Protein backbone atom coordinates (compact mmCIF):
# COMPACT_ATOMS: atom_id res chain seq x y z
CA MET A 1 31.85 104.17 163.85
CA ILE A 2 28.66 105.01 161.58
CA ARG A 3 30.87 106.46 158.93
CA ARG A 4 33.13 103.40 158.75
CA LEU A 5 30.02 101.14 158.53
CA ALA A 6 28.66 103.13 155.52
CA ALA A 7 32.10 103.17 154.03
CA SER A 8 32.07 99.45 154.14
CA VAL A 9 28.83 98.96 152.72
CA VAL A 10 29.76 101.35 149.69
CA LEU A 11 33.00 99.46 149.30
CA SER A 12 31.01 96.05 149.09
CA LEU A 13 28.54 97.22 146.58
CA VAL A 14 31.56 98.62 144.32
CA LEU A 15 33.40 95.38 144.63
CA VAL A 16 30.11 93.38 143.74
CA GLY A 17 29.39 95.66 140.78
CA CYS A 18 32.93 95.40 139.78
CA GLY A 19 32.62 91.34 139.97
CA ARG A 20 29.56 91.32 137.62
CA GLU A 21 31.38 93.34 135.07
CA THR A 22 34.31 91.39 134.91
CA GLU A 23 32.30 88.11 135.06
CA SER A 24 32.44 86.23 131.48
CA PRO A 25 29.15 85.94 129.61
CA GLU A 26 27.46 82.42 129.79
CA PRO A 27 28.19 80.42 126.41
CA GLU A 28 25.35 80.34 123.59
CA PRO A 29 23.63 76.96 123.71
CA ALA A 30 25.03 74.70 120.85
CA PRO A 31 22.67 74.34 117.96
CA ALA A 32 20.66 71.36 117.58
CA PRO A 33 21.88 68.88 115.16
CA LYS A 34 19.99 69.21 111.67
CA ARG A 35 17.93 66.06 110.95
CA PRO A 36 18.51 64.49 107.53
CA ALA A 37 16.11 65.38 104.74
CA VAL A 38 14.88 61.79 104.65
CA ALA A 39 14.75 59.61 107.39
CA ARG A 40 16.48 56.69 106.11
CA ASP A 41 16.04 54.60 108.98
CA PHE A 42 12.33 54.21 108.00
CA GLN A 43 11.42 50.63 107.24
CA PRO A 44 8.37 50.48 104.54
CA THR A 45 5.65 47.75 105.20
CA PRO A 46 6.52 44.88 102.84
CA SER A 47 3.92 44.44 100.19
CA PRO A 48 1.89 41.20 100.46
CA THR A 49 0.90 41.58 96.75
CA LEU A 50 4.70 41.92 95.55
CA GLU A 51 5.21 38.77 97.94
CA ALA A 52 2.57 36.86 96.33
CA VAL A 53 3.81 38.25 92.72
CA ARG A 54 7.25 36.73 93.36
CA ARG A 55 6.16 33.35 94.78
CA ARG A 56 3.87 32.74 91.74
CA GLY A 57 6.49 34.28 89.12
CA HIS A 58 3.98 36.49 87.35
CA VAL A 59 1.78 39.61 87.55
CA LEU A 60 -1.91 39.00 87.22
CA CYS A 61 -3.21 41.87 84.94
CA GLY A 62 -6.98 42.67 84.45
CA VAL A 63 -7.45 44.19 80.91
CA HIS A 64 -10.15 45.02 78.39
CA ALA A 65 -11.27 41.93 76.40
CA GLY A 66 -10.39 43.72 73.13
CA LEU A 67 -10.01 47.53 72.66
CA ALA A 68 -7.79 48.30 69.59
CA GLY A 69 -4.57 50.18 70.94
CA PHE A 70 -5.14 49.42 74.47
CA ALA A 71 -5.60 45.67 74.89
CA VAL A 72 -6.27 43.18 72.24
CA ARG A 73 -4.69 39.79 71.08
CA ASP A 74 -2.90 39.56 67.88
CA VAL A 75 -3.14 36.92 65.24
CA ARG A 76 -0.66 34.70 67.57
CA GLY A 77 -2.76 35.19 70.59
CA VAL A 78 -0.45 37.49 72.09
CA TRP A 79 -1.83 40.43 74.32
CA ARG A 80 -0.59 43.88 72.90
CA GLY A 81 -1.56 47.52 73.75
CA PHE A 82 -0.99 50.49 75.85
CA ASP A 83 -2.71 49.27 78.97
CA VAL A 84 -0.88 45.82 78.43
CA ASP A 85 2.45 47.67 78.36
CA ILE A 86 1.73 49.21 81.60
CA CYS A 87 1.45 45.80 83.15
CA ARG A 88 4.44 44.49 81.39
CA ALA A 89 6.48 47.44 82.69
CA VAL A 90 5.49 46.44 86.27
CA ALA A 91 6.44 43.03 85.86
CA ALA A 92 10.02 44.13 84.42
CA ALA A 93 10.39 46.27 87.31
CA VAL A 94 9.33 43.70 90.16
CA LEU A 95 10.61 40.31 88.32
CA GLY A 96 12.98 41.65 85.73
CA ASP A 97 10.91 40.06 82.92
CA ALA A 98 8.35 42.02 81.08
CA THR A 99 6.70 38.76 79.72
CA ALA A 100 5.86 37.44 83.29
CA VAL A 101 2.33 38.65 83.28
CA ARG A 102 -0.86 36.45 82.87
CA TYR A 103 -3.83 38.73 81.61
CA ARG A 104 -7.26 38.33 82.48
CA SER A 105 -10.14 39.96 80.38
CA VAL A 106 -12.59 41.84 82.51
CA SER A 107 -15.81 43.54 81.66
CA ALA A 108 -16.85 47.12 82.75
CA GLN A 109 -19.42 45.59 85.17
CA ASN A 110 -17.03 43.20 87.02
CA ARG A 111 -13.59 44.82 86.81
CA PHE A 112 -13.60 46.28 90.24
CA ALA A 113 -14.83 42.94 91.91
CA GLU A 114 -12.01 41.04 90.22
CA LEU A 115 -9.66 43.42 91.82
CA GLN A 116 -11.27 43.38 95.07
CA ASP A 117 -11.33 39.54 95.50
CA GLY A 118 -7.66 39.20 94.43
CA SER A 119 -8.26 37.79 90.93
CA VAL A 120 -5.97 40.46 89.47
CA ASP A 121 -3.09 42.56 91.00
CA ILE A 122 -3.69 45.54 88.69
CA LEU A 123 -6.62 46.76 86.72
CA SER A 124 -5.26 48.08 83.59
CA ARG A 125 -8.33 48.60 81.68
CA ASN A 126 -9.20 52.12 80.41
CA THR A 127 -10.79 53.18 83.86
CA SER A 128 -11.60 56.58 84.96
CA TRP A 129 -10.37 57.93 88.33
CA THR A 130 -13.31 59.33 90.16
CA LEU A 131 -13.91 60.39 93.72
CA SER A 132 -16.76 57.71 94.33
CA ARG A 133 -14.33 54.93 92.92
CA ASP A 134 -11.24 56.03 94.73
CA ALA A 135 -12.91 56.61 98.04
CA GLY A 136 -15.85 54.10 97.93
CA LEU A 137 -14.39 50.92 96.58
CA GLY A 138 -11.43 50.27 98.70
CA LEU A 139 -9.20 51.02 95.70
CA ASP A 140 -6.41 53.28 94.76
CA PHE A 141 -5.40 54.93 91.40
CA ALA A 142 -1.65 54.58 91.02
CA GLY A 143 -1.55 57.43 88.76
CA VAL A 144 -3.00 58.64 85.25
CA THR A 145 -1.45 57.06 81.96
CA TYR A 146 -3.75 58.68 79.47
CA TYR A 147 -5.88 61.97 79.71
CA ASP A 148 -9.19 61.35 78.01
CA GLY A 149 -12.86 62.76 77.60
CA GLN A 150 -16.07 61.58 76.45
CA GLY A 151 -17.16 62.20 73.02
CA PHE A 152 -19.40 61.20 70.02
CA MET A 153 -19.01 59.51 66.79
CA ALA A 154 -21.64 60.09 64.01
CA PRO A 155 -21.77 59.43 60.36
CA ARG A 156 -19.92 62.00 58.17
CA SER A 157 -22.87 62.34 55.90
CA LEU A 158 -24.93 64.11 58.83
CA ASN A 159 -22.41 66.79 58.72
CA LEU A 160 -22.84 67.48 62.52
CA THR A 161 -20.44 69.87 64.26
CA SER A 162 -21.37 69.59 67.71
CA ALA A 163 -23.23 67.34 70.43
CA ASP A 164 -25.66 70.12 70.60
CA GLU A 165 -27.25 69.18 67.57
CA LEU A 166 -28.05 65.65 68.61
CA SER A 167 -31.50 66.44 70.19
CA GLY A 168 -33.93 63.41 69.55
CA ALA A 169 -30.82 61.11 68.57
CA ARG A 170 -30.55 57.48 69.44
CA ILE A 171 -27.25 57.15 71.24
CA CYS A 172 -25.47 53.83 71.79
CA VAL A 173 -23.80 53.75 75.05
CA GLN A 174 -22.14 51.08 77.23
CA ALA A 175 -23.87 49.83 80.54
CA GLY A 176 -22.22 50.19 83.78
CA THR A 177 -20.10 53.10 82.98
CA VAL A 178 -19.75 56.63 83.76
CA THR A 179 -20.59 57.07 80.17
CA GLU A 180 -24.11 56.59 81.08
CA SER A 181 -24.48 59.31 83.65
CA ASN A 182 -22.13 61.78 81.78
CA LEU A 183 -24.64 61.44 78.61
CA GLU A 184 -27.60 62.02 80.96
CA ASP A 185 -26.21 65.15 82.53
CA TYR A 186 -24.99 66.61 79.48
CA PHE A 187 -28.41 66.44 77.65
CA ARG A 188 -30.37 67.35 80.88
CA ALA A 189 -28.36 70.35 81.48
CA ARG A 190 -29.09 71.62 77.82
CA GLY A 191 -32.63 70.63 77.81
CA LEU A 192 -32.12 68.12 75.09
CA GLU A 193 -33.86 64.88 74.31
CA PHE A 194 -32.32 61.54 73.32
CA THR A 195 -32.95 57.94 73.32
CA PRO A 196 -30.31 55.70 74.92
CA VAL A 197 -29.55 52.49 73.32
CA VAL A 198 -27.78 50.74 76.22
CA VAL A 199 -25.50 47.83 75.10
CA GLU A 200 -23.17 45.57 77.29
CA ASN A 201 -19.73 46.65 75.80
CA GLU A 202 -17.85 48.68 73.27
CA ALA A 203 -18.04 45.75 70.71
CA ALA A 204 -21.94 45.63 70.88
CA ALA A 205 -22.09 49.35 70.69
CA ARG A 206 -19.88 49.51 67.60
CA THR A 207 -22.00 46.66 66.17
CA ALA A 208 -25.27 48.43 66.94
CA TYR A 209 -23.97 51.42 65.66
CA GLU A 210 -22.79 50.07 62.32
CA ALA A 211 -25.99 48.48 61.97
CA GLU A 212 -27.80 51.72 62.28
CA ARG A 213 -29.76 50.67 65.26
CA CYS A 214 -28.46 54.05 66.66
CA ASP A 215 -27.63 57.41 65.30
CA VAL A 216 -24.51 58.05 67.41
CA PHE A 217 -22.04 56.26 69.36
CA THR A 218 -20.72 57.90 72.83
CA ALA A 219 -17.74 56.60 74.65
CA ASP A 220 -14.27 57.99 75.55
CA VAL A 221 -12.62 59.58 72.47
CA SER A 222 -9.69 57.07 72.56
CA ALA A 223 -12.29 54.10 72.71
CA LEU A 224 -14.24 55.95 69.63
CA ALA A 225 -10.91 56.19 67.65
CA SER A 226 -10.33 52.50 68.43
CA ALA A 227 -13.88 51.56 67.13
CA ARG A 228 -13.58 53.51 64.17
CA SER A 229 -10.10 51.97 63.18
CA ILE A 230 -11.68 48.60 62.67
CA MET A 231 -15.15 49.53 61.21
CA ASN A 232 -15.87 48.65 57.51
CA ASN A 233 -15.24 52.34 56.33
CA PRO A 234 -13.37 54.32 58.90
CA ASN A 235 -13.36 57.42 56.88
CA ALA A 236 -17.41 57.43 56.63
CA HIS A 237 -17.47 58.35 60.54
CA VAL A 238 -16.28 61.46 62.42
CA ILE A 239 -15.53 62.18 66.07
CA LEU A 240 -17.21 65.47 66.91
CA PRO A 241 -15.27 68.09 68.53
CA THR A 242 -17.52 68.27 71.65
CA VAL A 243 -15.87 66.50 74.80
CA VAL A 244 -18.29 66.48 77.78
CA SER A 245 -16.22 65.23 80.57
CA LYS A 246 -12.76 64.60 81.94
CA GLU A 247 -11.65 61.10 81.98
CA PRO A 248 -8.26 60.56 83.55
CA LEU A 249 -7.48 56.84 82.82
CA GLY A 250 -5.06 54.68 84.64
CA PRO A 251 -4.35 51.67 86.54
CA VAL A 252 -6.15 50.66 89.77
CA VAL A 253 -5.04 48.47 92.83
CA ARG A 254 -6.19 47.59 96.02
CA GLN A 255 -6.03 50.12 98.76
CA ASP A 256 -4.93 47.77 101.60
CA ASP A 257 -1.30 47.62 100.20
CA PRO A 258 0.25 50.94 99.85
CA ALA A 259 3.63 49.61 99.12
CA TRP A 260 2.26 47.70 95.89
CA THR A 261 0.48 51.24 94.98
CA ASP A 262 3.81 52.82 95.29
CA ILE A 263 5.55 50.19 93.08
CA VAL A 264 2.87 50.85 90.25
CA ARG A 265 2.90 54.46 90.62
CA TRP A 266 6.78 54.81 90.49
CA THR A 267 6.96 52.36 87.59
CA ILE A 268 4.53 54.52 85.56
CA ASN A 269 6.62 57.70 86.86
CA ALA A 270 9.73 56.22 85.42
CA LEU A 271 8.48 55.60 81.90
CA ILE A 272 7.37 59.35 81.75
CA ILE A 273 10.77 60.54 83.35
CA ALA A 274 12.82 58.50 80.70
CA GLU A 275 10.88 60.35 78.14
CA GLU A 276 11.79 63.57 79.97
CA LEU A 277 15.55 62.65 79.98
CA GLY A 278 15.55 61.47 76.48
CA VAL A 279 16.23 57.96 77.41
CA ASN A 280 14.60 54.97 75.47
CA SER A 281 14.59 51.21 75.20
CA THR A 282 17.45 51.64 72.49
CA THR A 283 19.63 54.17 74.37
CA VAL A 284 19.00 53.01 77.85
CA ALA A 285 22.11 50.61 78.12
CA GLY A 286 24.46 53.26 76.88
CA SER A 287 22.94 55.73 79.13
CA ARG A 288 23.53 53.60 82.15
CA GLU A 289 27.24 53.31 81.31
CA ALA A 290 27.75 57.03 80.31
CA ALA A 291 25.27 59.24 81.97
CA SER A 292 26.81 61.87 84.11
CA ASP A 293 23.51 63.87 85.22
CA PRO A 294 22.43 62.85 88.65
CA GLU A 295 18.82 61.93 87.79
CA THR A 296 19.47 59.89 85.05
CA ARG A 297 21.95 58.02 87.07
CA ARG A 298 19.58 57.61 90.07
CA LEU A 299 16.77 56.55 87.49
CA LEU A 300 18.69 53.83 86.08
CA GLY A 301 20.16 52.52 89.55
CA VAL A 302 23.73 53.77 88.96
CA GLU A 303 23.83 56.26 91.94
CA GLY A 304 21.94 55.55 95.07
CA ASP A 305 19.48 52.57 95.77
CA LEU A 306 16.07 54.18 95.46
CA GLY A 307 14.76 50.72 94.49
CA GLU A 308 15.36 49.80 98.15
CA LEU A 309 12.76 52.09 99.33
CA LEU A 310 10.15 50.13 96.97
CA GLY A 311 11.44 46.80 97.84
CA LEU A 312 12.75 46.09 94.55
CA GLU A 313 16.38 45.61 92.88
CA ALA A 314 18.50 48.75 92.11
CA ASP A 315 17.74 48.48 88.31
CA TRP A 316 14.07 48.25 88.56
CA ALA A 317 13.44 51.22 86.31
CA TYR A 318 16.32 50.33 84.04
CA GLN A 319 14.50 46.91 83.27
CA ALA A 320 10.97 48.44 82.74
CA ILE A 321 12.64 50.93 80.15
CA ALA A 322 14.82 48.57 78.51
CA GLN A 323 12.11 45.88 78.04
CA VAL A 324 9.09 48.26 77.54
CA GLY A 325 10.16 51.67 76.56
CA ALA A 326 9.78 55.15 77.72
CA TYR A 327 6.19 56.70 77.72
CA ASN A 328 6.45 58.24 74.14
CA GLU A 329 7.62 54.80 72.71
CA ILE A 330 4.59 53.04 74.26
CA PHE A 331 2.17 55.73 73.16
CA ARG A 332 3.62 55.84 69.65
CA ARG A 333 3.33 52.11 68.91
CA ASN A 334 0.07 51.56 70.29
CA LEU A 335 -2.06 54.86 69.93
CA GLY A 336 0.22 57.21 67.91
CA ALA A 337 1.88 57.45 64.42
CA ASP A 338 3.05 53.54 64.35
CA SER A 339 -0.55 52.47 65.22
CA GLY A 340 -3.92 52.14 63.56
CA LEU A 341 -5.19 54.90 65.65
CA LYS A 342 -2.76 57.71 64.65
CA LEU A 343 -3.89 59.76 67.60
CA GLU A 344 -1.93 62.98 68.47
CA ARG A 345 -0.30 63.34 71.90
CA GLY A 346 -2.62 66.39 72.90
CA LEU A 347 -3.07 66.24 76.45
CA ASN A 348 -0.90 63.47 76.68
CA ALA A 349 2.28 65.46 75.70
CA LEU A 350 4.94 66.18 78.34
CA TRP A 351 4.20 69.16 80.51
CA ASN A 352 7.42 70.89 79.00
CA ALA A 353 6.90 69.77 75.11
CA PRO A 354 6.58 72.47 72.38
CA ASN A 355 2.75 71.81 72.65
CA PRO A 356 2.66 71.31 76.29
CA GLY A 357 0.38 68.48 77.64
CA LEU A 358 -0.64 67.24 81.34
CA ILE A 359 2.05 64.32 81.38
CA TYR A 360 4.24 65.19 84.42
CA ALA A 361 6.19 62.90 86.89
CA PRO A 362 7.53 63.96 90.25
CA PRO A 363 11.41 63.67 90.36
CA VAL A 364 13.28 60.50 91.25
CA ARG A 365 15.41 61.64 94.39
């Protein structure tokens, strides 16, 4: 009896073991479906600034009252200049019309208040991007359009080679700008003495300098070049090689409308990318018809519809380039070889130019 029970138990264990060995394995869990790289169901918040611009039919642009190469009225009263063209490009992108801009001259002292209270939609006025301005004023810098630095202009007859030779000098400087604090920092760090001659604006600084009420004029190098270009004897003055600060200049918008910030930022990027791709105002129409490379097709609205992400038409970048030009065209006619300033590209060359600069834009994709 005991032997039969033992045999029965052994047989049961063998059968159970055989059953486990012949049992099919559990199937692997199905892999989770991959999410798309971009969540296209995201709906950006509409831009109240864009809505206001469309209702009134033009962009309100705050510019310098008169800085050759950047913002100045010509003999017919038409605003021209590098900063002016940035606003024209935005108007072309959002309204399809680069002329749909109303310009408002703003001073260094009131420029941020004019933007904060809604008097302008964009401040495009040789304004340096700094932490205190970006984080402390409720404003956003949409990008850098011109890399500059603070320098010094002096009479050629003084034979100066460096700002370190300016101890004891009278220096004209504009009130209400970072130029004042940069000047103080530079001289204090080197134990040098100077006498500030504080004036209201660049025009007053130029006048005081030409009248010899100061020995030296300090401002951004581009502003010095602008001032020198309209002096009675430009060749009698030199801009010293000493650069005492970093001044990344670019348009400013209100911080409470990120969708508008994106519009201004990507308009700037589109102008830069156009230069990278070899597209300009005279070739853009042909490129739109014949381009085969994907980035050019995306930029010009032929492939995909990235304009929708900005709340704009598919041809937003095409309009900006066709009506205003690529970055190199804007630079050349206002600041470069075709202008009175004759500035070299320098830091404002493309990142991949033979003599590389700092101008770089994220990809359109």
